[in-house]
Amino acid sequence: MAWNIDGLTATHGTEHFVTCAGDLVRRTQTSLKKLAREESAQGTTEYAILVGVLVVIAIIAIVAFRDKVSELWQAISSGINSL
């Protein structure tokens, strides 16, 4: 039994061809949806790691420059109170 395929239509065994093509399309869609979810989760994880690193850097900067930060807060506070 030979297949003679012209574009998306088969001249022999068309029903079997259409069924197989439909299954292939469904499996491909399912695989693409799974891939999209995995990449979305990966992107979310990367953002969470980035935010964590930025928080650590901010904490280190505040501890290292504690006196300057305290002076800055005092200046801001007195500026706001004078309004």
N, C-alpha and C. Protein backbone atom coordinates (compact mmCIF):
# COMPACT_ATOMS: atom_id res chain seq x y z
N MET A 1 0.86 -1.17 0.00
CA MET A 1 0.00 0.00 0.00
C MET A 1 0.91 1.23 0.00
N ALA A 2 0.83 2.03 -1.00
CA ALA A 2 1.68 3.21 -1.12
C ALA A 2 0.88 4.47 -0.86
N TRP A 3 1.55 5.42 -0.27
CA TRP A 3 0.94 6.71 -0.02
C TRP A 3 1.35 7.65 -1.14
N ASN A 4 0.40 8.37 -1.63
CA ASN A 4 0.69 9.40 -2.62
C ASN A 4 0.19 10.71 -2.03
N ILE A 5 1.11 11.45 -1.44
CA ILE A 5 0.73 12.64 -0.70
C ILE A 5 0.98 13.87 -1.56
N ASP A 6 -0.03 14.70 -1.68
CA ASP A 6 0.08 15.92 -2.44
C ASP A 6 -0.28 17.07 -1.50
N GLY A 7 0.72 17.77 -0.96
CA GLY A 7 0.46 18.82 0.03
C GLY A 7 -0.02 18.20 1.32
N LEU A 8 -1.24 18.53 1.74
CA LEU A 8 -1.79 17.99 2.97
C LEU A 8 -2.87 16.94 2.72
N THR A 9 -3.08 16.55 1.46
CA THR A 9 -4.10 15.56 1.16
C THR A 9 -3.45 14.29 0.66
N ALA A 10 -4.03 13.17 0.99
CA ALA A 10 -3.52 11.88 0.54
C ALA A 10 -4.52 11.28 -0.43
N THR A 11 -4.02 10.71 -1.49
CA THR A 11 -4.93 10.14 -2.48
C THR A 11 -5.31 8.71 -2.13
N HIS A 12 -4.59 8.07 -1.22
CA HIS A 12 -4.91 6.72 -0.82
C HIS A 12 -4.84 6.64 0.71
N GLY A 13 -5.87 6.20 1.34
CA GLY A 13 -5.90 6.11 2.80
C GLY A 13 -6.05 7.47 3.46
N THR A 14 -6.87 8.31 2.92
CA THR A 14 -7.02 9.68 3.40
C THR A 14 -7.46 9.73 4.86
N GLU A 15 -8.38 8.88 5.27
CA GLU A 15 -8.88 8.92 6.64
C GLU A 15 -7.78 8.62 7.65
N HIS A 16 -6.95 7.63 7.33
CA HIS A 16 -5.85 7.30 8.24
C HIS A 16 -4.86 8.47 8.31
N PHE A 17 -4.58 9.07 7.16
CA PHE A 17 -3.65 10.20 7.11
C PHE A 17 -4.17 11.37 7.94
N VAL A 18 -5.45 11.68 7.80
CA VAL A 18 -6.04 12.80 8.54
C VAL A 18 -6.01 12.51 10.03
N THR A 19 -6.30 11.28 10.43
CA THR A 19 -6.26 10.91 11.85
C THR A 19 -4.86 11.06 12.40
N CYS A 20 -3.86 10.55 11.68
CA CYS A 20 -2.47 10.66 12.13
C CYS A 20 -2.03 12.12 12.20
N ALA A 21 -2.42 12.92 11.22
CA ALA A 21 -2.06 14.34 11.21
C ALA A 21 -2.71 15.07 12.38
N GLY A 22 -3.98 14.74 12.67
CA GLY A 22 -4.67 15.36 13.81
C GLY A 22 -3.99 15.01 15.12
N ASP A 23 -3.59 13.73 15.27
CA ASP A 23 -2.88 13.32 16.48
C ASP A 23 -1.55 14.06 16.61
N LEU A 24 -0.85 14.19 15.50
CA LEU A 24 0.43 14.88 15.51
C LEU A 24 0.25 16.34 15.92
N VAL A 25 -0.77 16.99 15.39
CA VAL A 25 -1.03 18.40 15.73
C VAL A 25 -1.35 18.53 17.22
N ARG A 26 -2.18 17.64 17.74
CA ARG A 26 -2.54 17.69 19.16
C ARG A 26 -1.31 17.47 20.05
N ARG A 27 -0.47 16.49 19.70
CA ARG A 27 0.73 16.23 20.49
C ARG A 27 1.69 17.42 20.43
N THR A 28 1.80 18.02 19.27
CA THR A 28 2.68 19.18 19.11
C THR A 28 2.17 20.35 19.95
N GLN A 29 0.87 20.60 19.92
CA GLN A 29 0.29 21.68 20.72
C GLN A 29 0.52 21.43 22.20
N THR A 30 0.32 20.19 22.65
CA THR A 30 0.53 19.85 24.05
C THR A 30 1.98 20.07 24.44
N SER A 31 2.90 19.65 23.58
CA SER A 31 4.32 19.83 23.87
C SER A 31 4.70 21.30 23.93
N LEU A 32 4.16 22.10 23.03
CA LEU A 32 4.46 23.53 23.03
C LEU A 32 3.90 24.21 24.28
N LYS A 33 2.71 23.80 24.72
CA LYS A 33 2.13 24.37 25.93
C LYS A 33 3.00 24.04 27.15
N LYS A 34 3.47 22.78 27.22
CA LYS A 34 4.34 22.38 28.33
C LYS A 34 5.63 23.19 28.31
N LEU A 35 6.20 23.37 27.14
CA LEU A 35 7.43 24.13 27.00
C LEU A 35 7.22 25.58 27.44
N ALA A 36 6.10 26.16 27.06
CA ALA A 36 5.81 27.54 27.44
C ALA A 36 5.68 27.68 28.96
N ARG A 37 5.04 26.71 29.60
CA ARG A 37 4.91 26.75 31.06
C ARG A 37 6.27 26.61 31.72
N GLU A 38 7.12 25.72 31.22
CA GLU A 38 8.43 25.53 31.81
C GLU A 38 9.28 26.78 31.66
N GLU A 39 9.23 27.43 30.50
CA GLU A 39 10.00 28.65 30.30
C GLU A 39 9.47 29.78 31.18
N SER A 40 8.17 29.82 31.39
CA SER A 40 7.58 30.84 32.25
C SER A 40 8.07 30.64 33.68
N ALA A 41 8.08 29.41 34.13
CA ALA A 41 8.56 29.11 35.49
C ALA A 41 10.04 29.44 35.61
N GLN A 42 10.79 29.16 34.56
CA GLN A 42 12.21 29.47 34.58
C GLN A 42 12.42 30.98 34.66
N GLY A 43 11.65 31.75 33.91
CA GLY A 43 11.75 33.20 33.96
C GLY A 43 11.41 33.75 35.33
N THR A 44 10.37 33.19 35.95
CA THR A 44 9.97 33.60 37.29
C THR A 44 11.08 33.31 38.30
N THR A 45 11.69 32.16 38.17
CA THR A 45 12.78 31.78 39.07
C THR A 45 13.97 32.73 38.90
N GLU A 46 14.28 33.07 37.66
CA GLU A 46 15.39 33.99 37.41
C GLU A 46 15.12 35.36 38.03
N TYR A 47 13.88 35.85 37.92
CA TYR A 47 13.54 37.13 38.53
C TYR A 47 13.63 37.05 40.05
N ALA A 48 13.20 35.95 40.63
CA ALA A 48 13.27 35.79 42.08
C ALA A 48 14.72 35.80 42.55
N ILE A 49 15.60 35.13 41.82
CA ILE A 49 17.02 35.12 42.17
C ILE A 49 17.59 36.53 42.04
N LEU A 50 17.24 37.23 40.99
CA LEU A 50 17.72 38.59 40.78
C LEU A 50 17.29 39.50 41.92
N VAL A 51 16.03 39.43 42.32
CA VAL A 51 15.53 40.25 43.43
C VAL A 51 16.27 39.90 44.71
N GLY A 52 16.50 38.61 44.95
CA GLY A 52 17.24 38.18 46.14
C GLY A 52 18.65 38.75 46.17
N VAL A 53 19.33 38.71 45.03
CA VAL A 53 20.68 39.26 44.96
C VAL A 53 20.67 40.77 45.22
N LEU A 54 19.70 41.47 44.66
CA LEU A 54 19.61 42.91 44.88
C LEU A 54 19.34 43.24 46.35
N VAL A 55 18.52 42.44 47.01
CA VAL A 55 18.25 42.66 48.43
C VAL A 55 19.52 42.46 49.25
N VAL A 56 20.28 41.42 48.94
CA VAL A 56 21.53 41.16 49.66
C VAL A 56 22.51 42.32 49.45
N ILE A 57 22.61 42.81 48.22
CA ILE A 57 23.50 43.94 47.93
C ILE A 57 23.05 45.18 48.70
N ALA A 58 21.75 45.42 48.76
CA ALA A 58 21.23 46.57 49.50
C ALA A 58 21.54 46.45 50.99
N ILE A 59 21.39 45.27 51.55
CA ILE A 59 21.68 45.07 52.98
C ILE A 59 23.16 45.30 53.25
N ILE A 60 24.01 44.76 52.39
CA ILE A 60 25.46 44.94 52.56
C ILE A 60 25.82 46.43 52.48
N ALA A 61 25.21 47.14 51.54
CA ALA A 61 25.49 48.57 51.39
C ALA A 61 25.04 49.35 52.61
N ILE A 62 23.88 49.02 53.15
CA ILE A 62 23.36 49.72 54.34
C ILE A 62 24.26 49.46 55.54
N VAL A 63 24.70 48.21 55.71
CA VAL A 63 25.58 47.89 56.84
C VAL A 63 26.93 48.58 56.67
N ALA A 64 27.46 48.58 55.45
CA ALA A 64 28.78 49.18 55.21
C ALA A 64 28.75 50.69 55.39
N PHE A 65 27.65 51.31 55.01
CA PHE A 65 27.56 52.77 55.08
C PHE A 65 26.52 53.21 56.12
N ARG A 66 26.49 52.53 57.25
CA ARG A 66 25.47 52.76 58.28
C ARG A 66 25.44 54.21 58.74
N ASP A 67 26.60 54.78 58.99
CA ASP A 67 26.65 56.16 59.50
C ASP A 67 26.12 57.14 58.46
N LYS A 68 26.54 56.98 57.21
CA LYS A 68 26.07 57.88 56.15
C LYS A 68 24.57 57.73 55.93
N VAL A 69 24.07 56.48 56.01
CA VAL A 69 22.63 56.25 55.83
C VAL A 69 21.86 56.90 56.98
N SER A 70 22.40 56.82 58.20
CA SER A 70 21.74 57.43 59.35
C SER A 70 21.68 58.95 59.18
N GLU A 71 22.78 59.55 58.73
CA GLU A 71 22.78 60.99 58.49
C GLU A 71 21.77 61.36 57.41
N LEU A 72 21.70 60.56 56.36
CA LEU A 72 20.77 60.82 55.27
C LEU A 72 19.33 60.76 55.78
N TRP A 73 18.99 59.73 56.58
CA TRP A 73 17.64 59.61 57.12
C TRP A 73 17.30 60.79 58.02
N GLN A 74 18.28 61.23 58.81
CA GLN A 74 18.05 62.39 59.68
C GLN A 74 17.77 63.64 58.85
N ALA A 75 18.52 63.82 57.77
CA ALA A 75 18.32 64.98 56.90
C ALA A 75 16.95 64.93 56.24
N ILE A 76 16.57 63.77 55.79
CA ILE A 76 15.25 63.61 55.16
C ILE A 76 14.15 63.88 56.17
N SER A 77 14.32 63.30 57.36
CA SER A 77 13.32 63.47 58.42
C SER A 77 13.16 64.94 58.80
N SER A 78 14.26 65.63 59.00
CA SER A 78 14.15 67.04 59.37
C SER A 78 13.59 67.87 58.22
N GLY A 79 13.89 67.50 56.98
CA GLY A 79 13.32 68.21 55.84
C GLY A 79 11.81 68.02 55.74
N ILE A 80 11.34 66.82 56.00
CA ILE A 80 9.91 66.55 55.96
C ILE A 80 9.20 67.25 57.13
N ASN A 81 9.82 67.23 58.32
CA ASN A 81 9.22 67.87 59.48
C ASN A 81 9.13 69.38 59.34
N SER A 82 10.05 69.96 58.56
CA SER A 82 10.04 71.42 58.39
C SER A 82 8.96 71.86 57.42
N LEU A 83 8.34 70.95 56.70
CA LEU A 83 7.25 71.32 55.79
C LEU A 83 6.05 71.61 56.61
